[in-house]
Amino acid sequence: MEDAPSYSPEPARARAPVRRADPSVRREQIVREAMRCFAEKGFRGTTTRELAARIGITEAALYHYFPSKEALYGAIIDSKMSAPTLAEVLAEPARRGDDRGVFGTLARIVLERGASDPDFMRILTFTALEGHELAEPFFAARVRTLREFIAGYIERRIAEGAFRRVDPALAARAFFGMVFDHLSVRSVFKQDVSQHPIDEVVDTYVSIFLGGMQPREKTDVGR
């Protein structure tokens, strides 16, 4: 009786290890997608379930990285707080009394940052409209500080006789109004109403503002 042919089993193939996303990379991915969601629907209009689905993870996995929507919003704000403040950037031209340097640099940076990150501009707008205070740390550290810096600079230049005598806070608001209107029309309303290059936009706004701030008469300086 012939022996039955013997077969040697093939060696089991080792399973490829499951690659897990690096936690820091995953957190950055979640923050980026959250910015898009919040920019489209606001904080209240965005659910964690929807956000997890857009990222491609479970809701439970999302909570592993961020325990709440508030924590996720806070991470977005923190990511924007790492850059130098505009007041720090403007300190040197302000020290020299370089009016065009101060206001030109301010307008250019605000417009360039807004153009490169329109989602964040929309998020801040939604935050104000929804009436919650999640962005208050950002407003306090960035927006309010910058407004006070510019108002203080204008007040100093009035005392030095370079600017006409007006309320410094109102004058600062007038300049911010021109710049942020330009930015909001593009970023919030998504209407590209101006095809002008940024150099022309900045020069026009700064020239209008500084022209209006010149003392009208010599007596306006000493009053």
Protein backbone atom coordinates (compact mmCIF):
# COMPACT_ATOMS: atom_id res chain seq x y z
CA MET A 1 0.00 0.00 0.00
CA GLU A 2 1.47 3.24 -1.10
CA ASP A 3 1.92 5.98 1.37
CA ALA A 4 -0.34 9.01 0.81
CA PRO A 5 1.60 11.98 -0.46
CA SER A 6 2.56 14.31 2.33
CA TYR A 7 2.06 18.03 2.13
CA SER A 8 3.98 20.47 4.23
CA PRO A 9 1.83 23.46 5.20
CA GLU A 10 2.97 26.82 3.95
CA PRO A 11 4.39 29.04 6.68
CA ALA A 12 1.80 31.46 7.95
CA ARG A 13 2.27 34.92 6.59
CA ALA A 14 2.90 37.53 9.20
CA ARG A 15 0.18 40.16 9.30
CA ALA A 16 1.27 43.62 8.47
CA PRO A 17 1.15 45.77 11.58
CA VAL A 18 -1.77 48.15 11.73
CA ARG A 19 -0.45 51.65 11.28
CA ARG A 20 -1.94 54.09 13.68
CA ALA A 21 -1.97 57.78 12.98
CA ASP A 22 0.51 59.76 15.02
CA PRO A 23 -1.49 61.44 17.84
CA SER A 24 -0.12 64.91 17.09
CA VAL A 25 -0.85 64.50 13.38
CA ARG A 26 -4.36 63.29 14.14
CA ARG A 27 -4.98 66.24 16.46
CA GLU A 28 -3.89 68.68 13.75
CA GLN A 29 -6.18 66.95 11.27
CA ILE A 30 -9.12 67.22 13.66
CA VAL A 31 -8.43 70.91 14.31
CA ARG A 32 -8.24 71.67 10.56
CA GLU A 33 -11.50 69.87 9.83
CA ALA A 34 -13.18 71.47 12.82
CA MET A 35 -12.23 74.91 11.49
CA ARG A 36 -13.93 74.07 8.19
CA CYS A 37 -17.07 72.83 9.93
CA PHE A 38 -17.29 75.76 12.34
CA ALA A 39 -16.70 78.18 9.46
CA GLU A 40 -19.56 76.63 7.47
CA LYS A 41 -22.14 76.07 10.22
CA GLY A 42 -20.94 77.86 13.31
CA PHE A 43 -20.15 76.33 16.69
CA ARG A 44 -23.74 75.45 17.56
CA GLY A 45 -24.56 74.15 14.11
CA THR A 46 -21.70 71.64 14.09
CA THR A 47 -22.16 68.25 15.79
CA THR A 48 -19.37 66.00 16.98
CA ARG A 49 -20.94 63.12 15.04
CA GLU A 50 -20.76 65.08 11.80
CA LEU A 51 -17.23 66.20 12.53
CA ALA A 52 -16.06 62.65 13.29
CA ALA A 53 -17.64 61.39 10.05
CA ARG A 54 -15.85 64.04 7.99
CA ILE A 55 -12.53 63.10 9.55
CA GLY A 56 -13.18 59.36 9.12
CA ILE A 57 -13.07 58.36 12.78
CA THR A 58 -15.65 57.36 15.36
CA GLU A 59 -17.21 59.87 17.72
CA ALA A 60 -15.57 58.00 20.61
CA ALA A 61 -12.17 58.43 18.96
CA LEU A 62 -12.85 62.14 18.57
CA TYR A 63 -13.57 62.43 22.28
CA HIS A 64 -10.28 60.65 22.98
CA TYR A 65 -8.46 63.67 21.54
CA PHE A 66 -10.88 66.40 22.59
CA PRO A 67 -13.37 65.79 25.44
CA SER A 68 -15.82 68.43 24.14
CA LYS A 69 -16.57 70.86 21.35
CA GLU A 70 -15.45 73.64 23.66
CA ALA A 71 -12.03 71.99 24.06
CA LEU A 72 -11.77 71.68 20.30
CA TYR A 73 -12.67 75.33 19.80
CA GLY A 74 -10.09 76.23 22.42
CA ALA A 75 -7.45 74.32 20.44
CA ILE A 76 -8.30 76.39 17.37
CA ILE A 77 -7.89 79.61 19.34
CA ASP A 78 -4.61 78.38 20.84
CA SER A 79 -3.25 77.63 17.37
CA LYS A 80 -3.89 81.24 16.38
CA MET A 81 -2.28 82.64 19.52
CA SER A 82 1.18 81.29 18.72
CA ALA A 83 2.09 83.96 16.15
CA PRO A 84 3.60 87.26 17.36
CA THR A 85 1.00 89.90 18.17
CA LEU A 86 0.57 92.77 15.74
CA ALA A 87 1.38 95.20 18.53
CA GLU A 88 4.81 93.55 18.80
CA VAL A 89 5.33 93.77 15.04
CA LEU A 90 4.32 97.46 14.98
CA ALA A 91 6.40 98.48 18.00
CA GLU A 92 9.47 99.57 16.02
CA PRO A 93 7.76 101.77 13.38
CA ALA A 94 5.63 103.22 16.17
CA ARG A 95 8.73 104.11 18.17
CA ARG A 96 10.09 106.01 15.15
CA GLY A 97 6.80 107.80 14.58
CA ASP A 98 6.58 106.23 11.12
CA ASP A 99 2.87 106.71 10.46
CA ARG A 100 2.83 105.04 7.06
CA GLY A 101 4.92 102.20 8.42
CA VAL A 102 2.51 101.61 11.31
CA PHE A 103 -0.75 101.75 9.40
CA GLY A 104 0.61 100.22 6.19
CA THR A 105 2.09 97.25 8.02
CA LEU A 106 -1.09 96.82 10.04
CA ALA A 107 -3.35 96.82 6.99
CA ARG A 108 -1.10 94.50 4.99
CA ILE A 109 -0.74 91.88 7.72
CA VAL A 110 -4.46 91.86 8.54
CA LEU A 111 -5.44 91.50 4.88
CA GLU A 112 -2.81 88.86 4.13
CA ARG A 113 -3.67 86.77 7.18
CA GLY A 114 -7.37 87.05 6.42
CA ALA A 115 -6.88 86.02 2.81
CA SER A 116 -4.77 83.01 3.78
CA ASP A 117 -7.14 81.89 6.57
CA PRO A 118 -10.72 82.96 5.72
CA ASP A 119 -12.22 80.14 7.82
CA PHE A 120 -10.95 81.72 11.05
CA MET A 121 -12.50 85.06 10.15
CA ARG A 122 -15.84 83.33 9.63
CA ILE A 123 -15.49 81.44 12.91
CA LEU A 124 -14.99 84.67 14.85
CA THR A 125 -18.04 86.16 13.12
CA PHE A 126 -20.16 83.12 14.03
CA THR A 127 -18.89 83.36 17.60
CA ALA A 128 -20.11 86.94 17.93
CA LEU A 129 -23.47 86.16 16.31
CA GLU A 130 -24.07 83.11 18.48
CA GLY A 131 -23.44 85.12 21.61
CA HIS A 132 -20.98 82.84 23.38
CA GLU A 133 -17.62 83.83 24.83
CA LEU A 134 -15.39 81.07 23.53
CA ALA A 135 -13.28 83.53 21.55
CA GLU A 136 -12.90 86.02 24.41
CA PRO A 137 -9.27 85.02 25.11
CA PHE A 138 -8.41 85.76 21.49
CA PHE A 139 -10.27 89.07 21.46
CA ALA A 140 -8.67 90.11 24.73
CA ALA A 141 -5.12 89.16 23.77
CA ARG A 142 -5.21 90.16 20.11
CA VAL A 143 -8.07 92.38 18.98
CA ARG A 144 -8.58 94.53 22.08
CA THR A 145 -4.84 94.87 22.69
CA LEU A 146 -4.27 95.95 19.09
CA ARG A 147 -7.07 98.53 19.21
CA GLU A 148 -5.65 99.99 22.41
CA PHE A 149 -2.16 100.06 20.90
CA ILE A 150 -3.32 101.94 17.79
CA ALA A 151 -5.47 104.34 19.82
CA GLY A 152 -2.49 105.04 22.07
CA TYR A 153 -0.26 105.68 19.08
CA ILE A 154 -2.78 108.10 17.59
CA GLU A 155 -3.07 109.90 20.92
CA ARG A 156 0.69 110.30 21.05
CA ARG A 157 0.87 111.64 17.52
CA ILE A 158 -1.88 114.14 18.30
CA ALA A 159 0.14 115.39 21.27
CA GLU A 160 3.18 115.68 19.01
CA GLY A 161 1.22 117.81 16.56
CA ALA A 162 1.38 115.29 13.71
CA PHE A 163 -2.35 114.47 13.76
CA ARG A 164 -5.42 116.65 14.11
CA ARG A 165 -7.21 116.66 17.43
CA VAL A 166 -9.84 113.92 17.37
CA ASP A 167 -10.90 111.13 19.68
CA PRO A 168 -8.08 108.55 19.32
CA ALA A 169 -10.38 105.56 19.88
CA LEU A 170 -12.78 106.73 17.17
CA ALA A 171 -9.92 107.41 14.77
CA ALA A 172 -8.53 103.92 15.38
CA ARG A 173 -11.96 102.44 14.77
CA ALA A 174 -12.24 104.37 11.50
CA PHE A 175 -9.03 102.81 10.18
CA PHE A 176 -9.94 99.33 11.34
CA GLY A 177 -13.33 99.83 9.70
CA MET A 178 -11.82 100.26 6.25
CA VAL A 179 -9.54 97.25 6.59
CA PHE A 180 -12.02 94.86 8.17
CA ASP A 181 -14.80 95.82 5.79
CA HIS A 182 -12.53 94.83 2.90
CA LEU A 183 -11.68 91.59 4.68
CA SER A 184 -15.21 90.67 5.73
CA VAL A 185 -16.67 91.20 2.26
CA ARG A 186 -14.23 88.61 0.97
CA SER A 187 -14.03 86.16 3.86
CA VAL A 188 -17.49 86.31 5.42
CA PHE A 189 -19.71 87.20 2.47
CA LYS A 190 -17.37 85.55 -0.03
CA GLN A 191 -17.71 88.31 -2.58
CA ASP A 192 -14.57 89.36 -4.39
CA VAL A 193 -15.68 92.91 -5.01
CA SER A 194 -12.18 94.22 -5.62
CA GLN A 195 -9.61 92.94 -8.10
CA HIS A 196 -7.08 95.53 -6.98
CA PRO A 197 -3.66 94.21 -5.88
CA ILE A 198 -2.97 94.37 -2.17
CA ASP A 199 -0.31 97.07 -2.60
CA GLU A 200 -2.92 99.39 -4.10
CA VAL A 201 -5.51 98.52 -1.46
CA VAL A 202 -3.11 99.18 1.42
CA ASP A 203 -1.75 102.39 -0.07
CA THR A 204 -5.25 103.73 -0.75
CA TYR A 205 -6.60 103.06 2.74
CA VAL A 206 -3.50 104.40 4.47
CA SER A 207 -3.43 107.54 2.30
CA ILE A 208 -7.12 108.25 2.95
CA PHE A 209 -6.67 107.83 6.69
CA LEU A 210 -3.44 109.80 7.06
CA GLY A 211 -4.76 112.54 4.78
CA GLY A 212 -7.78 112.94 7.03
CA MET A 213 -5.63 112.98 10.16
CA GLN A 214 -3.42 115.89 9.08
CA PRO A 215 -3.94 119.07 11.14
CA ARG A 216 -6.26 121.36 9.17
CA GLU A 217 -4.77 124.55 10.54
CA LYS A 218 -1.78 125.47 12.61
CA THR A 219 -4.12 126.43 15.42
CA ASP A 220 -5.47 122.91 15.42
CA VAL A 221 -2.11 121.73 16.74
CA GLY A 222 -2.06 123.92 19.83
CA ARG A 223 -5.67 123.77 20.89
